[in-house]
Amino acid sequence: MRNQDTWDEGNRYSGRQMIKLCLLSLLFPLLFYYLLPGYNLLLTVVLNTLLIVSIYWTTESHLKSVFDEEGNRIQK
């Protein structure tokens, strides 16, 4: 992180993303339990892993849209 502002914004944004995706990931095991019971564990682990990795990409994308290369907020 370039400065404290980028650090705070990254943590704020990723924290909100984690809460949203956590609530979404609670539905996967229930859904897979009834639709594909033999693959429930595998599908749940794979999708939760993809959700965790997506937090990294979405946070980086958000930070690039809010800050310039020097870590200064982009004025709109």
N, C-alpha and C. Protein backbone atom coordinates (compact mmCIF):
# COMPACT_ATOMS: atom_id res chain seq x y z
N MET A 1 0.83 -1.17 0.00
CA MET A 1 0.00 0.00 0.00
C MET A 1 0.88 1.25 0.00
N ARG A 2 0.40 2.22 -0.72
CA ARG A 2 1.18 3.45 -0.87
C ARG A 2 1.15 4.33 0.38
N ASN A 3 0.01 4.40 1.04
CA ASN A 3 -0.11 5.24 2.23
C ASN A 3 -1.26 4.72 3.10
N GLN A 4 -1.50 5.37 4.19
CA GLN A 4 -2.53 4.93 5.14
C GLN A 4 -3.92 5.01 4.53
N ASP A 5 -4.16 6.00 3.68
CA ASP A 5 -5.48 6.15 3.05
C ASP A 5 -5.79 4.95 2.15
N THR A 6 -4.83 4.50 1.35
CA THR A 6 -5.06 3.34 0.50
C THR A 6 -5.24 2.08 1.35
N TRP A 7 -4.48 1.97 2.41
CA TRP A 7 -4.59 0.83 3.32
C TRP A 7 -5.99 0.77 3.95
N ASP A 8 -6.45 1.91 4.46
CA ASP A 8 -7.76 1.97 5.10
C ASP A 8 -8.88 1.66 4.10
N GLU A 9 -8.79 2.23 2.91
CA GLU A 9 -9.81 1.99 1.89
C GLU A 9 -9.81 0.52 1.45
N GLY A 10 -8.65 -0.07 1.28
CA GLY A 10 -8.56 -1.48 0.90
C GLY A 10 -9.16 -2.39 1.97
N ASN A 11 -8.86 -2.11 3.22
CA ASN A 11 -9.42 -2.91 4.32
C ASN A 11 -10.93 -2.72 4.46
N ARG A 12 -11.39 -1.50 4.29
CA ARG A 12 -12.83 -1.23 4.38
C ARG A 12 -13.58 -1.96 3.28
N TYR A 13 -13.09 -1.83 2.05
CA TYR A 13 -13.75 -2.45 0.91
C TYR A 13 -13.71 -3.98 0.99
N SER A 14 -12.54 -4.53 1.27
CA SER A 14 -12.44 -6.00 1.31
C SER A 14 -13.22 -6.58 2.48
N GLY A 15 -13.31 -5.87 3.57
CA GLY A 15 -14.11 -6.34 4.70
C GLY A 15 -15.58 -6.46 4.34
N ARG A 16 -16.08 -5.46 3.63
CA ARG A 16 -17.47 -5.51 3.18
C ARG A 16 -17.69 -6.63 2.16
N GLN A 17 -16.72 -6.81 1.27
CA GLN A 17 -16.81 -7.90 0.30
C GLN A 17 -16.82 -9.25 1.01
N MET A 18 -15.99 -9.41 2.03
CA MET A 18 -15.93 -10.67 2.76
C MET A 18 -17.26 -10.99 3.43
N ILE A 19 -17.91 -9.99 4.00
CA ILE A 19 -19.21 -10.22 4.65
C ILE A 19 -20.24 -10.65 3.62
N LYS A 20 -20.30 -9.97 2.48
CA LYS A 20 -21.25 -10.34 1.43
C LYS A 20 -21.00 -11.76 0.92
N LEU A 21 -19.74 -12.07 0.65
CA LEU A 21 -19.43 -13.38 0.10
C LEU A 21 -19.57 -14.48 1.14
N CYS A 22 -19.38 -14.16 2.40
CA CYS A 22 -19.57 -15.13 3.46
C CYS A 22 -21.04 -15.53 3.53
N LEU A 23 -21.92 -14.56 3.45
CA LEU A 23 -23.35 -14.86 3.47
C LEU A 23 -23.75 -15.69 2.25
N LEU A 24 -23.16 -15.36 1.10
CA LEU A 24 -23.43 -16.13 -0.10
C LEU A 24 -22.89 -17.56 0.02
N SER A 25 -21.72 -17.71 0.60
CA SER A 25 -21.11 -19.03 0.70
C SER A 25 -21.84 -19.95 1.68
N LEU A 26 -22.67 -19.40 2.53
CA LEU A 26 -23.47 -20.24 3.42
C LEU A 26 -24.55 -21.00 2.66
N LEU A 27 -24.95 -20.48 1.51
CA LEU A 27 -25.99 -21.12 0.71
C LEU A 27 -25.47 -22.31 -0.10
N PHE A 28 -24.20 -22.28 -0.46
CA PHE A 28 -23.65 -23.34 -1.31
C PHE A 28 -23.80 -24.74 -0.72
N PRO A 29 -23.38 -24.97 0.52
CA PRO A 29 -23.51 -26.34 1.04
C PRO A 29 -24.96 -26.82 1.09
N LEU A 30 -25.87 -25.93 1.41
CA LEU A 30 -27.28 -26.33 1.44
C LEU A 30 -27.78 -26.69 0.04
N LEU A 31 -27.43 -25.88 -0.92
CA LEU A 31 -27.84 -26.12 -2.29
C LEU A 31 -27.24 -27.41 -2.83
N PHE A 32 -25.94 -27.59 -2.63
CA PHE A 32 -25.28 -28.78 -3.14
C PHE A 32 -25.69 -30.05 -2.40
N TYR A 33 -26.07 -29.91 -1.16
CA TYR A 33 -26.50 -31.07 -0.38
C TYR A 33 -27.73 -31.73 -1.02
N TYR A 34 -28.62 -30.91 -1.56
CA TYR A 34 -29.83 -31.45 -2.18
C TYR A 34 -29.66 -31.74 -3.66
N LEU A 35 -28.86 -30.96 -4.36
CA LEU A 35 -28.71 -31.14 -5.80
C LEU A 35 -27.65 -32.18 -6.16
N LEU A 36 -26.51 -32.13 -5.52
CA LEU A 36 -25.39 -33.03 -5.82
C LEU A 36 -24.76 -33.52 -4.52
N PRO A 37 -25.43 -34.38 -3.78
CA PRO A 37 -24.94 -34.76 -2.45
C PRO A 37 -23.57 -35.44 -2.47
N GLY A 38 -23.24 -36.14 -3.53
CA GLY A 38 -21.95 -36.82 -3.60
C GLY A 38 -20.77 -35.87 -3.78
N TYR A 39 -21.04 -34.70 -4.31
CA TYR A 39 -19.99 -33.72 -4.58
C TYR A 39 -20.08 -32.48 -3.69
N ASN A 40 -20.88 -32.56 -2.66
CA ASN A 40 -21.13 -31.42 -1.78
C ASN A 40 -19.84 -30.81 -1.24
N LEU A 41 -19.00 -31.61 -0.64
CA LEU A 41 -17.77 -31.09 -0.03
C LEU A 41 -16.84 -30.51 -1.09
N LEU A 42 -16.63 -31.22 -2.16
CA LEU A 42 -15.73 -30.76 -3.21
C LEU A 42 -16.20 -29.43 -3.81
N LEU A 43 -17.46 -29.36 -4.17
CA LEU A 43 -17.98 -28.13 -4.78
C LEU A 43 -17.96 -26.96 -3.80
N THR A 44 -18.25 -27.22 -2.54
CA THR A 44 -18.23 -26.16 -1.54
C THR A 44 -16.82 -25.61 -1.36
N VAL A 45 -15.84 -26.50 -1.27
CA VAL A 45 -14.45 -26.06 -1.10
C VAL A 45 -13.98 -25.27 -2.33
N VAL A 46 -14.28 -25.78 -3.51
CA VAL A 46 -13.84 -25.10 -4.74
C VAL A 46 -14.49 -23.72 -4.85
N LEU A 47 -15.79 -23.64 -4.65
CA LEU A 47 -16.45 -22.34 -4.78
C LEU A 47 -16.04 -21.36 -3.69
N ASN A 48 -15.85 -21.82 -2.47
CA ASN A 48 -15.37 -20.92 -1.42
C ASN A 48 -13.96 -20.42 -1.71
N THR A 49 -13.12 -21.28 -2.27
CA THR A 49 -11.78 -20.86 -2.65
C THR A 49 -11.85 -19.79 -3.73
N LEU A 50 -12.70 -19.99 -4.71
CA LEU A 50 -12.86 -18.99 -5.78
C LEU A 50 -13.40 -17.68 -5.23
N LEU A 51 -14.31 -17.74 -4.28
CA LEU A 51 -14.83 -16.52 -3.67
C LEU A 51 -13.74 -15.76 -2.92
N ILE A 52 -12.91 -16.49 -2.20
CA ILE A 52 -11.81 -15.85 -1.45
C ILE A 52 -10.84 -15.18 -2.41
N VAL A 53 -10.49 -15.87 -3.49
CA VAL A 53 -9.56 -15.29 -4.46
C VAL A 53 -10.19 -14.09 -5.16
N SER A 54 -11.51 -14.14 -5.38
CA SER A 54 -12.17 -13.02 -6.06
C SER A 54 -12.11 -11.74 -5.22
N ILE A 55 -12.03 -11.88 -3.90
CA ILE A 55 -11.92 -10.70 -3.05
C ILE A 55 -10.64 -9.92 -3.38
N TYR A 56 -9.56 -10.64 -3.63
CA TYR A 56 -8.30 -9.99 -4.00
C TYR A 56 -8.46 -9.18 -5.28
N TRP A 57 -9.03 -9.80 -6.32
CA TRP A 57 -9.17 -9.11 -7.61
C TRP A 57 -10.12 -7.93 -7.53
N THR A 58 -11.24 -8.10 -6.85
CA THR A 58 -12.19 -7.00 -6.78
C THR A 58 -11.65 -5.83 -5.95
N THR A 59 -10.90 -6.14 -4.89
CA THR A 59 -10.31 -5.08 -4.08
C THR A 59 -9.25 -4.33 -4.86
N GLU A 60 -8.40 -5.04 -5.58
CA GLU A 60 -7.38 -4.38 -6.40
C GLU A 60 -8.03 -3.52 -7.47
N SER A 61 -9.07 -4.01 -8.09
CA SER A 61 -9.78 -3.25 -9.11
C SER A 61 -10.40 -1.99 -8.51
N HIS A 62 -10.99 -2.13 -7.33
CA HIS A 62 -11.58 -0.97 -6.65
C HIS A 62 -10.51 0.07 -6.32
N LEU A 63 -9.39 -0.38 -5.79
CA LEU A 63 -8.32 0.56 -5.43
C LEU A 63 -7.78 1.28 -6.66
N LYS A 64 -7.68 0.58 -7.80
CA LYS A 64 -7.21 1.23 -9.02
C LYS A 64 -8.19 2.26 -9.54
N SER A 65 -9.47 2.06 -9.25
CA SER A 65 -10.46 3.04 -9.70
C SER A 65 -10.57 4.24 -8.76
N VAL A 66 -10.11 4.09 -7.52
CA VAL A 66 -10.22 5.18 -6.54
C VAL A 66 -8.92 5.96 -6.42
N PHE A 67 -7.77 5.30 -6.59
CA PHE A 67 -6.46 5.93 -6.39
C PHE A 67 -5.65 5.90 -7.68
N ASP A 68 -4.75 6.91 -7.83
CA ASP A 68 -3.81 6.89 -8.94
C ASP A 68 -2.59 6.06 -8.56
N GLU A 69 -1.59 6.03 -9.43
CA GLU A 69 -0.39 5.22 -9.20
C GLU A 69 0.42 5.67 -7.99
N GLU A 70 0.28 6.94 -7.61
CA GLU A 70 1.02 7.48 -6.48
C GLU A 70 0.29 7.30 -5.15
N GLY A 71 -0.94 6.78 -5.19
CA GLY A 71 -1.70 6.60 -3.97
C GLY A 71 -2.58 7.78 -3.60
N ASN A 72 -2.75 8.71 -4.53
CA ASN A 72 -3.62 9.87 -4.30
C ASN A 72 -5.01 9.56 -4.83
N ARG A 73 -6.03 10.03 -4.11
CA ARG A 73 -7.40 9.80 -4.57
C ARG A 73 -7.63 10.50 -5.90
N ILE A 74 -8.35 9.84 -6.78
CA ILE A 74 -8.69 10.42 -8.08
C ILE A 74 -9.90 11.33 -7.85
N GLN A 75 -9.77 12.57 -8.29
CA GLN A 75 -10.85 13.55 -8.13
C GLN A 75 -11.88 13.33 -9.23
N LYS A 76 -13.13 13.24 -8.85
CA LYS A 76 -14.20 13.04 -9.85
C LYS A 76 -14.98 14.30 -10.02
